[in-house]
Amino acid sequence: QDARKKGQVAKSMELPSALVMLGGFA
């Protein structure tokens, strides 16, 4: 919880851009 409050979470910066690209072409 403390790490989440600091913005420290498990996330991939590649996933949003890849999904946006796939959704745009779809």
mmCIF file of all heavy atoms, coordinates in Angstrom:
data_MODEL
# 
_entry.id   MODEL 
# 
loop_
_atom_site.group_PDB 
_atom_site.id 
_atom_site.type_symbol 
_atom_site.label_atom_id 
_atom_site.label_alt_id 
_atom_site.label_comp_id 
_atom_site.label_asym_id 
_atom_site.label_entity_id 
_atom_site.label_seq_id 
_atom_site.pdbx_PDB_ins_code 
_atom_site.Cartn_x 
_atom_site.Cartn_y 
_atom_site.Cartn_z 
_atom_site.occupancy 
_atom_site.B_iso_or_equiv 
_atom_site.pdbx_formal_charge 
_atom_site.auth_seq_id 
_atom_site.auth_comp_id 
_atom_site.auth_asym_id 
_atom_site.auth_atom_id 
_atom_site.pdbx_PDB_model_num 
ATOM 1   N N   . GLN A 1 1  ? 0.826   -1.204 0.000   1.00 0.00 ? 1  GLN A N   1 
ATOM 2   C CA  . GLN A 1 1  ? 0.000   0.000  0.000   1.00 0.00 ? 1  GLN A CA  1 
ATOM 3   C C   . GLN A 1 1  ? 0.858   1.252  0.000   1.00 0.00 ? 1  GLN A C   1 
ATOM 4   O O   . GLN A 1 1  ? 0.569   2.222  -0.712  1.00 0.00 ? 1  GLN A O   1 
ATOM 5   C CB  . GLN A 1 1  ? -0.922  -0.017 1.213   1.00 0.00 ? 1  GLN A CB  1 
ATOM 6   C CG  . GLN A 1 1  ? -1.916  1.136  1.245   1.00 0.00 ? 1  GLN A CG  1 
ATOM 7   C CD  . GLN A 1 1  ? -2.847  1.054  2.433   1.00 0.00 ? 1  GLN A CD  1 
ATOM 8   O OE1 . GLN A 1 1  ? -2.715  0.193  3.284   1.00 0.00 ? 1  GLN A OE1 1 
ATOM 9   N NE2 . GLN A 1 1  ? -3.799  1.967  2.498   1.00 0.00 ? 1  GLN A NE2 1 
ATOM 10  N N   . ASP A 1 2  ? 1.930   1.251  0.800   1.00 0.00 ? 2  ASP A N   1 
ATOM 11  C CA  . ASP A 1 2  ? 2.822   2.408  0.831   1.00 0.00 ? 2  ASP A CA  1 
ATOM 12  C C   . ASP A 1 2  ? 3.500   2.618  -0.524  1.00 0.00 ? 2  ASP A C   1 
ATOM 13  O O   . ASP A 1 2  ? 3.651   3.760  -0.985  1.00 0.00 ? 2  ASP A O   1 
ATOM 14  C CB  . ASP A 1 2  ? 3.877   2.220  1.925   1.00 0.00 ? 2  ASP A CB  1 
ATOM 15  C CG  . ASP A 1 2  ? 3.273   2.259  3.317   1.00 0.00 ? 2  ASP A CG  1 
ATOM 16  O OD1 . ASP A 1 2  ? 2.136   2.769  3.453   1.00 0.00 ? 2  ASP A OD1 1 
ATOM 17  O OD2 . ASP A 1 2  ? 3.911   1.772  4.264   1.00 0.00 ? 2  ASP A OD2 1 
ATOM 18  N N   . ALA A 1 3  ? 3.928   1.521  -1.157  1.00 0.00 ? 3  ALA A N   1 
ATOM 19  C CA  . ALA A 1 3  ? 4.557   1.634  -2.471  1.00 0.00 ? 3  ALA A CA  1 
ATOM 20  C C   . ALA A 1 3  ? 3.570   2.150  -3.513  1.00 0.00 ? 3  ALA A C   1 
ATOM 21  O O   . ALA A 1 3  ? 3.931   2.959  -4.373  1.00 0.00 ? 3  ALA A O   1 
ATOM 22  C CB  . ALA A 1 3  ? 5.114   0.267  -2.897  1.00 0.00 ? 3  ALA A CB  1 
ATOM 23  N N   . ARG A 1 4  ? 2.325   1.714  -3.415  1.00 0.00 ? 4  ARG A N   1 
ATOM 24  C CA  . ARG A 1 4  ? 1.311   2.174  -4.366  1.00 0.00 ? 4  ARG A CA  1 
ATOM 25  C C   . ARG A 1 4  ? 1.040   3.665  -4.194  1.00 0.00 ? 4  ARG A C   1 
ATOM 26  O O   . ARG A 1 4  ? 0.835   4.385  -5.176  1.00 0.00 ? 4  ARG A O   1 
ATOM 27  C CB  . ARG A 1 4  ? 0.032   1.364  -4.161  1.00 0.00 ? 4  ARG A CB  1 
ATOM 28  C CG  . ARG A 1 4  ? -1.054  1.689  -5.162  1.00 0.00 ? 4  ARG A CG  1 
ATOM 29  C CD  . ARG A 1 4  ? -2.260  0.798  -4.951  1.00 0.00 ? 4  ARG A CD  1 
ATOM 30  N NE  . ARG A 1 4  ? -3.341  1.160  -5.846  1.00 0.00 ? 4  ARG A NE  1 
ATOM 31  C CZ  . ARG A 1 4  ? -3.455  0.754  -7.104  1.00 0.00 ? 4  ARG A CZ  1 
ATOM 32  N NH1 . ARG A 1 4  ? -2.538  -0.047 -7.622  1.00 0.00 ? 4  ARG A NH1 1 
ATOM 33  N NH2 . ARG A 1 4  ? -4.455  1.133  -7.855  1.00 0.00 ? 4  ARG A NH2 1 
ATOM 34  N N   . LYS A 1 5  ? 1.033   4.139  -2.952  1.00 0.00 ? 5  LYS A N   1 
ATOM 35  C CA  . LYS A 1 5  ? 0.825   5.562  -2.712  1.00 0.00 ? 5  LYS A CA  1 
ATOM 36  C C   . LYS A 1 5  ? 1.942   6.394  -3.337  1.00 0.00 ? 5  LYS A C   1 
ATOM 37  O O   . LYS A 1 5  ? 1.721   7.545  -3.730  1.00 0.00 ? 5  LYS A O   1 
ATOM 38  C CB  . LYS A 1 5  ? 0.751   5.837  -1.216  1.00 0.00 ? 5  LYS A CB  1 
ATOM 39  C CG  . LYS A 1 5  ? -0.528  5.330  -0.561  1.00 0.00 ? 5  LYS A CG  1 
ATOM 40  C CD  . LYS A 1 5  ? -0.531  5.632  0.917   1.00 0.00 ? 5  LYS A CD  1 
ATOM 41  C CE  . LYS A 1 5  ? -1.810  5.131  1.575   1.00 0.00 ? 5  LYS A CE  1 
ATOM 42  N NZ  . LYS A 1 5  ? -1.817  5.391  3.042   1.00 0.00 ? 5  LYS A NZ  1 
ATOM 43  N N   . LYS A 1 6  ? 3.129   5.837  -3.413  1.00 0.00 ? 6  LYS A N   1 
ATOM 44  C CA  . LYS A 1 6  ? 4.261   6.538  -4.019  1.00 0.00 ? 6  LYS A CA  1 
ATOM 45  C C   . LYS A 1 6  ? 4.297   6.379  -5.537  1.00 0.00 ? 6  LYS A C   1 
ATOM 46  O O   . LYS A 1 6  ? 5.216   6.890  -6.191  1.00 0.00 ? 6  LYS A O   1 
ATOM 47  C CB  . LYS A 1 6  ? 5.568   6.019  -3.428  1.00 0.00 ? 6  LYS A CB  1 
ATOM 48  C CG  . LYS A 1 6  ? 5.720   6.279  -1.935  1.00 0.00 ? 6  LYS A CG  1 
ATOM 49  C CD  . LYS A 1 6  ? 7.007   5.675  -1.410  1.00 0.00 ? 6  LYS A CD  1 
ATOM 50  C CE  . LYS A 1 6  ? 7.153   5.892  0.087   1.00 0.00 ? 6  LYS A CE  1 
ATOM 51  N NZ  . LYS A 1 6  ? 8.370   5.250  0.630   1.00 0.00 ? 6  LYS A NZ  1 
ATOM 52  N N   . GLY A 1 7  ? 3.333   5.660  -6.088  1.00 0.00 ? 7  GLY A N   1 
ATOM 53  C CA  . GLY A 1 7  ? 3.306   5.449  -7.532  1.00 0.00 ? 7  GLY A CA  1 
ATOM 54  C C   . GLY A 1 7  ? 4.166   4.294  -7.986  1.00 0.00 ? 7  GLY A C   1 
ATOM 55  O O   . GLY A 1 7  ? 4.386   4.122  -9.192  1.00 0.00 ? 7  GLY A O   1 
ATOM 56  N N   . GLN A 1 8  ? 4.648   3.480  -7.053  1.00 0.00 ? 8  GLN A N   1 
ATOM 57  C CA  . GLN A 1 8  ? 5.499   2.344  -7.397  1.00 0.00 ? 8  GLN A CA  1 
ATOM 58  C C   . GLN A 1 8  ? 4.611   1.124  -7.613  1.00 0.00 ? 8  GLN A C   1 
ATOM 59  O O   . GLN A 1 8  ? 4.194   0.456  -6.668  1.00 0.00 ? 8  GLN A O   1 
ATOM 60  C CB  . GLN A 1 8  ? 6.514   2.093  -6.282  1.00 0.00 ? 8  GLN A CB  1 
ATOM 61  C CG  . GLN A 1 8  ? 7.455   3.259  -6.031  1.00 0.00 ? 8  GLN A CG  1 
ATOM 62  C CD  . GLN A 1 8  ? 8.339   3.041  -4.830  1.00 0.00 ? 8  GLN A CD  1 
ATOM 63  O OE1 . GLN A 1 8  ? 8.279   1.997  -4.170  1.00 0.00 ? 8  GLN A OE1 1 
ATOM 64  N NE2 . GLN A 1 8  ? 9.183   4.007  -4.521  1.00 0.00 ? 8  GLN A NE2 1 
ATOM 65  N N   . VAL A 1 9  ? 4.316   0.830  -8.861  1.00 0.00 ? 9  VAL A N   1 
ATOM 66  C CA  . VAL A 1 9  ? 3.458   -0.292 -9.225  1.00 0.00 ? 9  VAL A CA  1 
ATOM 67  C C   . VAL A 1 9  ? 4.099   -1.059 -10.374 1.00 0.00 ? 9  VAL A C   1 
ATOM 68  O O   . VAL A 1 9  ? 4.976   -0.544 -11.070 1.00 0.00 ? 9  VAL A O   1 
ATOM 69  C CB  . VAL A 1 9  ? 2.052   0.195  -9.624  1.00 0.00 ? 9  VAL A CB  1 
ATOM 70  C CG1 . VAL A 1 9  ? 1.281   0.725  -8.422  1.00 0.00 ? 9  VAL A CG1 1 
ATOM 71  C CG2 . VAL A 1 9  ? 2.130   1.272  -10.707 1.00 0.00 ? 9  VAL A CG2 1 
ATOM 72  N N   . ALA A 1 10 ? 3.631   -2.280 -10.555 1.00 0.00 ? 10 ALA A N   1 
ATOM 73  C CA  . ALA A 1 10 ? 4.138   -3.109 -11.650 1.00 0.00 ? 10 ALA A CA  1 
ATOM 74  C C   . ALA A 1 10 ? 3.373   -2.776 -12.922 1.00 0.00 ? 10 ALA A C   1 
ATOM 75  O O   . ALA A 1 10 ? 2.175   -3.039 -13.026 1.00 0.00 ? 10 ALA A O   1 
ATOM 76  C CB  . ALA A 1 10 ? 3.972   -4.587 -11.299 1.00 0.00 ? 10 ALA A CB  1 
ATOM 77  N N   . LYS A 1 11 ? 4.051   -2.175 -13.871 1.00 0.00 ? 11 LYS A N   1 
ATOM 78  C CA  . LYS A 1 11 ? 3.397   -1.831 -15.127 1.00 0.00 ? 11 LYS A CA  1 
ATOM 79  C C   . LYS A 1 11 ? 4.418   -1.855 -16.263 1.00 0.00 ? 11 LYS A C   1 
ATOM 80  O O   . LYS A 1 11 ? 5.604   -1.611 -16.059 1.00 0.00 ? 11 LYS A O   1 
ATOM 81  C CB  . LYS A 1 11 ? 2.748   -0.445 -15.041 1.00 0.00 ? 11 LYS A CB  1 
ATOM 82  C CG  . LYS A 1 11 ? 3.714   0.690  -14.784 1.00 0.00 ? 11 LYS A CG  1 
ATOM 83  C CD  . LYS A 1 11 ? 2.993   2.017  -14.713 1.00 0.00 ? 11 LYS A CD  1 
ATOM 84  C CE  . LYS A 1 11 ? 3.976   3.155  -14.435 1.00 0.00 ? 11 LYS A CE  1 
ATOM 85  N NZ  . LYS A 1 11 ? 3.289   4.464  -14.378 1.00 0.00 ? 11 LYS A NZ  1 
ATOM 86  N N   . SER A 1 12 ? 3.918   -2.149 -17.444 1.00 0.00 ? 12 SER A N   1 
ATOM 87  C CA  . SER A 1 12 ? 4.747   -2.156 -18.643 1.00 0.00 ? 12 SER A CA  1 
ATOM 88  C C   . SER A 1 12 ? 4.407   -0.942 -19.489 1.00 0.00 ? 12 SER A C   1 
ATOM 89  O O   . SER A 1 12 ? 3.234   -0.713 -19.808 1.00 0.00 ? 12 SER A O   1 
ATOM 90  C CB  . SER A 1 12 ? 4.514   -3.443 -19.438 1.00 0.00 ? 12 SER A CB  1 
ATOM 91  O OG  . SER A 1 12 ? 5.139   -3.361 -20.696 1.00 0.00 ? 12 SER A OG  1 
ATOM 92  N N   . MET A 1 13 ? 5.402   -0.169 -19.854 1.00 0.00 ? 13 MET A N   1 
ATOM 93  C CA  . MET A 1 13 ? 5.184   0.987  -20.720 1.00 0.00 ? 13 MET A CA  1 
ATOM 94  C C   . MET A 1 13 ? 4.935   0.557  -22.164 1.00 0.00 ? 13 MET A C   1 
ATOM 95  O O   . MET A 1 13 ? 4.455   1.340  -22.977 1.00 0.00 ? 13 MET A O   1 
ATOM 96  C CB  . MET A 1 13 ? 6.391   1.922  -20.656 1.00 0.00 ? 13 MET A CB  1 
ATOM 97  C CG  . MET A 1 13 ? 6.712   2.432  -19.260 1.00 0.00 ? 13 MET A CG  1 
ATOM 98  S SD  . MET A 1 13 ? 5.330   3.302  -18.485 1.00 0.00 ? 13 MET A SD  1 
ATOM 99  C CE  . MET A 1 13 ? 5.205   4.721  -19.558 1.00 0.00 ? 13 MET A CE  1 
ATOM 100 N N   . GLU A 1 14 ? 5.271   -0.694 -22.474 1.00 0.00 ? 14 GLU A N   1 
ATOM 101 C CA  . GLU A 1 14 ? 5.092   -1.185 -23.839 1.00 0.00 ? 14 GLU A CA  1 
ATOM 102 C C   . GLU A 1 14 ? 3.649   -1.560 -24.124 1.00 0.00 ? 14 GLU A C   1 
ATOM 103 O O   . GLU A 1 14 ? 3.180   -1.428 -25.263 1.00 0.00 ? 14 GLU A O   1 
ATOM 104 C CB  . GLU A 1 14 ? 5.988   -2.411 -24.069 1.00 0.00 ? 14 GLU A CB  1 
ATOM 105 C CG  . GLU A 1 14 ? 7.438   -2.233 -23.682 1.00 0.00 ? 14 GLU A CG  1 
ATOM 106 C CD  . GLU A 1 14 ? 8.139   -1.245 -24.588 1.00 0.00 ? 14 GLU A CD  1 
ATOM 107 O OE1 . GLU A 1 14 ? 7.691   -1.098 -25.740 1.00 0.00 ? 14 GLU A OE1 1 
ATOM 108 O OE2 . GLU A 1 14 ? 9.124   -0.624 -24.137 1.00 0.00 ? 14 GLU A OE2 1 
ATOM 109 N N   . LEU A 1 15 ? 2.930   -2.032 -23.092 1.00 0.00 ? 15 LEU A N   1 
ATOM 110 C CA  . LEU A 1 15 ? 1.588   -2.552 -23.318 1.00 0.00 ? 15 LEU A CA  1 
ATOM 111 C C   . LEU A 1 15 ? 0.605   -1.488 -23.803 1.00 0.00 ? 15 LEU A C   1 
ATOM 112 O O   . LEU A 1 15 ? -0.132  -1.740 -24.767 1.00 0.00 ? 15 LEU A O   1 
ATOM 113 C CB  . LEU A 1 15 ? 1.077   -3.226 -22.042 1.00 0.00 ? 15 LEU A CB  1 
ATOM 114 C CG  . LEU A 1 15 ? -0.219  -4.026 -22.165 1.00 0.00 ? 15 LEU A CG  1 
ATOM 115 C CD1 . LEU A 1 15 ? -0.078  -5.114 -23.226 1.00 0.00 ? 15 LEU A CD1 1 
ATOM 116 C CD2 . LEU A 1 15 ? -0.588  -4.644 -20.825 1.00 0.00 ? 15 LEU A CD2 1 
ATOM 117 N N   . PRO A 1 16 ? 0.530   -0.300 -23.183 1.00 0.00 ? 16 PRO A N   1 
ATOM 118 C CA  . PRO A 1 16 ? -0.421  0.693  -23.698 1.00 0.00 ? 16 PRO A CA  1 
ATOM 119 C C   . PRO A 1 16 ? -0.147  1.086  -25.144 1.00 0.00 ? 16 PRO A C   1 
ATOM 120 O O   . PRO A 1 16 ? -1.074  1.166  -25.960 1.00 0.00 ? 16 PRO A O   1 
ATOM 121 C CB  . PRO A 1 16 ? -0.229  1.881  -22.740 1.00 0.00 ? 16 PRO A CB  1 
ATOM 122 C CG  . PRO A 1 16 ? 0.319   1.299  -21.489 1.00 0.00 ? 16 PRO A CG  1 
ATOM 123 C CD  . PRO A 1 16 ? 1.175   0.176  -21.934 1.00 0.00 ? 16 PRO A CD  1 
ATOM 124 N N   . SER A 1 17 ? 1.129   1.336  -25.476 1.00 0.00 ? 17 SER A N   1 
ATOM 125 C CA  . SER A 1 17 ? 1.438   1.751  -26.847 1.00 0.00 ? 17 SER A CA  1 
ATOM 126 C C   . SER A 1 17 ? 1.132   0.647  -27.848 1.00 0.00 ? 17 SER A C   1 
ATOM 127 O O   . SER A 1 17 ? 0.623   0.906  -28.955 1.00 0.00 ? 17 SER A O   1 
ATOM 128 C CB  . SER A 1 17 ? 2.906   2.163  -26.942 1.00 0.00 ? 17 SER A CB  1 
ATOM 129 O OG  . SER A 1 17 ? 3.759   1.090  -26.556 1.00 0.00 ? 17 SER A OG  1 
ATOM 130 N N   . ALA A 1 18 ? 1.414   -0.611 -27.466 1.00 0.00 ? 18 ALA A N   1 
ATOM 131 C CA  . ALA A 1 18 ? 1.134   -1.719 -28.388 1.00 0.00 ? 18 ALA A CA  1 
ATOM 132 C C   . ALA A 1 18 ? -0.369  -1.899 -28.582 1.00 0.00 ? 18 ALA A C   1 
ATOM 133 O O   . ALA A 1 18 ? -0.841  -2.118 -29.708 1.00 0.00 ? 18 ALA A O   1 
ATOM 134 C CB  . ALA A 1 18 ? 1.755   -3.013 -27.846 1.00 0.00 ? 18 ALA A CB  1 
ATOM 135 N N   . LEU A 1 19 ? -1.144  -1.793 -27.495 1.00 0.00 ? 19 LEU A N   1 
ATOM 136 C CA  . LEU A 1 19 ? -2.596  -1.928 -27.619 1.00 0.00 ? 19 LEU A CA  1 
ATOM 137 C C   . LEU A 1 19 ? -3.198  -0.767 -28.409 1.00 0.00 ? 19 LEU A C   1 
ATOM 138 O O   . LEU A 1 19 ? -4.142  -0.956 -29.189 1.00 0.00 ? 19 LEU A O   1 
ATOM 139 C CB  . LEU A 1 19 ? -3.232  -2.000 -26.227 1.00 0.00 ? 19 LEU A CB  1 
ATOM 140 C CG  . LEU A 1 19 ? -3.103  -3.336 -25.484 1.00 0.00 ? 19 LEU A CG  1 
ATOM 141 C CD1 . LEU A 1 19 ? -3.712  -3.228 -24.093 1.00 0.00 ? 19 LEU A CD1 1 
ATOM 142 C CD2 . LEU A 1 19 ? -3.764  -4.460 -26.269 1.00 0.00 ? 19 LEU A CD2 1 
ATOM 143 N N   . VAL A 1 20 ? -2.667  0.425  -28.191 1.00 0.00 ? 20 VAL A N   1 
ATOM 144 C CA  . VAL A 1 20 ? -3.159  1.577  -28.948 1.00 0.00 ? 20 VAL A CA  1 
ATOM 145 C C   . VAL A 1 20 ? -2.886  1.390  -30.439 1.00 0.00 ? 20 VAL A C   1 
ATOM 146 O O   . VAL A 1 20 ? -3.742  1.666  -31.295 1.00 0.00 ? 20 VAL A O   1 
ATOM 147 C CB  . VAL A 1 20 ? -2.506  2.870  -28.425 1.00 0.00 ? 20 VAL A CB  1 
ATOM 148 C CG1 . VAL A 1 20 ? -2.709  4.012  -29.407 1.00 0.00 ? 20 VAL A CG1 1 
ATOM 149 C CG2 . VAL A 1 20 ? -3.084  3.245  -27.071 1.00 0.00 ? 20 VAL A CG2 1 
ATOM 150 N N   . MET A 1 21 ? -1.705  0.909  -30.755 1.00 0.00 ? 21 MET A N   1 
ATOM 151 C CA  . MET A 1 21 ? -1.353  0.677  -32.156 1.00 0.00 ? 21 MET A CA  1 
ATOM 152 C C   . MET A 1 21 ? -2.249  -0.402 -32.772 1.00 0.00 ? 21 MET A C   1 
ATOM 153 O O   . MET A 1 21 ? -2.786  -0.234 -33.881 1.00 0.00 ? 21 MET A O   1 
ATOM 154 C CB  . MET A 1 21 ? 0.113   0.257  -32.256 1.00 0.00 ? 21 MET A CB  1 
ATOM 155 C CG  . MET A 1 21 ? 0.609   0.047  -33.669 1.00 0.00 ? 21 MET A CG  1 
ATOM 156 S SD  . MET A 1 21 ? 2.375   -0.383 -33.694 1.00 0.00 ? 21 MET A SD  1 
ATOM 157 C CE  . MET A 1 21 ? 2.632   -0.627 -35.449 1.00 0.00 ? 21 MET A CE  1 
ATOM 158 N N   . LEU A 1 22 ? -2.441  -1.488 -32.037 1.00 0.00 ? 22 LEU A N   1 
ATOM 159 C CA  . LEU A 1 22 ? -3.296  -2.564 -32.544 1.00 0.00 ? 22 LEU A CA  1 
ATOM 160 C C   . LEU A 1 22 ? -4.736  -2.089 -32.692 1.00 0.00 ? 22 LEU A C   1 
ATOM 161 O O   . LEU A 1 22 ? -5.396  -2.372 -33.707 1.00 0.00 ? 22 LEU A O   1 
ATOM 162 C CB  . LEU A 1 22 ? -3.227  -3.763 -31.592 1.00 0.00 ? 22 LEU A CB  1 
ATOM 163 C CG  . LEU A 1 22 ? -4.074  -4.975 -31.977 1.00 0.00 ? 22 LEU A CG  1 
ATOM 164 C CD1 . LEU A 1 22 ? -3.618  -5.542 -33.313 1.00 0.00 ? 22 LEU A CD1 1 
ATOM 165 C CD2 . LEU A 1 22 ? -4.000  -6.044 -30.890 1.00 0.00 ? 22 LEU A CD2 1 
ATOM 166 N N   . GLY A 1 23 ? -5.243  -1.352 -31.687 1.00 0.00 ? 23 GLY A N   1 
ATOM 167 C CA  . GLY A 1 23 ? -6.613  -0.852 -31.771 1.00 0.00 ? 23 GLY A CA  1 
ATOM 168 C C   . GLY A 1 23 ? -6.794  0.144  -32.899 1.00 0.00 ? 23 GLY A C   1 
ATOM 169 O O   . GLY A 1 23 ? -7.829  0.133  -33.582 1.00 0.00 ? 23 GLY A O   1 
ATOM 170 N N   . GLY A 1 24 ? -5.792  1.004  -33.099 1.00 0.00 ? 24 GLY A N   1 
ATOM 171 C CA  . GLY A 1 24 ? -5.886  1.973  -34.184 1.00 0.00 ? 24 GLY A CA  1 
ATOM 172 C C   . GLY A 1 24 ? -5.983  1.307  -35.537 1.00 0.00 ? 24 GLY A C   1 
ATOM 173 O O   . GLY A 1 24 ? -6.842  1.665  -36.378 1.00 0.00 ? 24 GLY A O   1 
ATOM 174 N N   . PHE A 1 25 ? -5.133  0.313  -35.790 1.00 0.00 ? 25 PHE A N   1 
ATOM 175 C CA  . PHE A 1 25 ? -5.184  -0.381 -37.079 1.00 0.00 ? 25 PHE A CA  1 
ATOM 176 C C   . PHE A 1 25 ? -6.447  -1.233 -37.212 1.00 0.00 ? 25 PHE A C   1 
ATOM 177 O O   . PHE A 1 25 ? -6.981  -1.390 -38.316 1.00 0.00 ? 25 PHE A O   1 
ATOM 178 C CB  . PHE A 1 25 ? -3.936  -1.245 -37.260 1.00 0.00 ? 25 PHE A CB  1 
ATOM 179 C CG  . PHE A 1 25 ? -2.737  -0.483 -37.740 1.00 0.00 ? 25 PHE A CG  1 
ATOM 180 C CD1 . PHE A 1 25 ? -1.696  -0.173 -36.878 1.00 0.00 ? 25 PHE A CD1 1 
ATOM 181 C CD2 . PHE A 1 25 ? -2.657  -0.053 -39.053 1.00 0.00 ? 25 PHE A CD2 1 
ATOM 182 C CE1 . PHE A 1 25 ? -0.589  0.546  -37.313 1.00 0.00 ? 25 PHE A CE1 1 
ATOM 183 C CE2 . PHE A 1 25 ? -1.561  0.660  -39.509 1.00 0.00 ? 25 PHE A CE2 1 
ATOM 184 C CZ  . PHE A 1 25 ? -0.524  0.972  -38.628 1.00 0.00 ? 25 PHE A CZ  1 
ATOM 185 N N   . ALA A 1 26 ? -6.927  -1.793 -36.068 1.00 0.00 ? 26 ALA A N   1 
ATOM 186 C CA  . ALA A 1 26 ? -8.165  -2.582 -36.131 1.00 0.00 ? 26 ALA A CA  1 
ATOM 187 C C   . ALA A 1 26 ? -9.356  -1.694 -36.478 1.00 0.00 ? 26 ALA A C   1 
ATOM 188 O O   . ALA A 1 26 ? -10.221 -2.083 -37.276 1.00 0.00 ? 26 ALA A O   1 
ATOM 189 C CB  . ALA A 1 26 ? -8.398  -3.280 -34.789 1.00 0.00 ? 26 ALA A CB  1 
# 
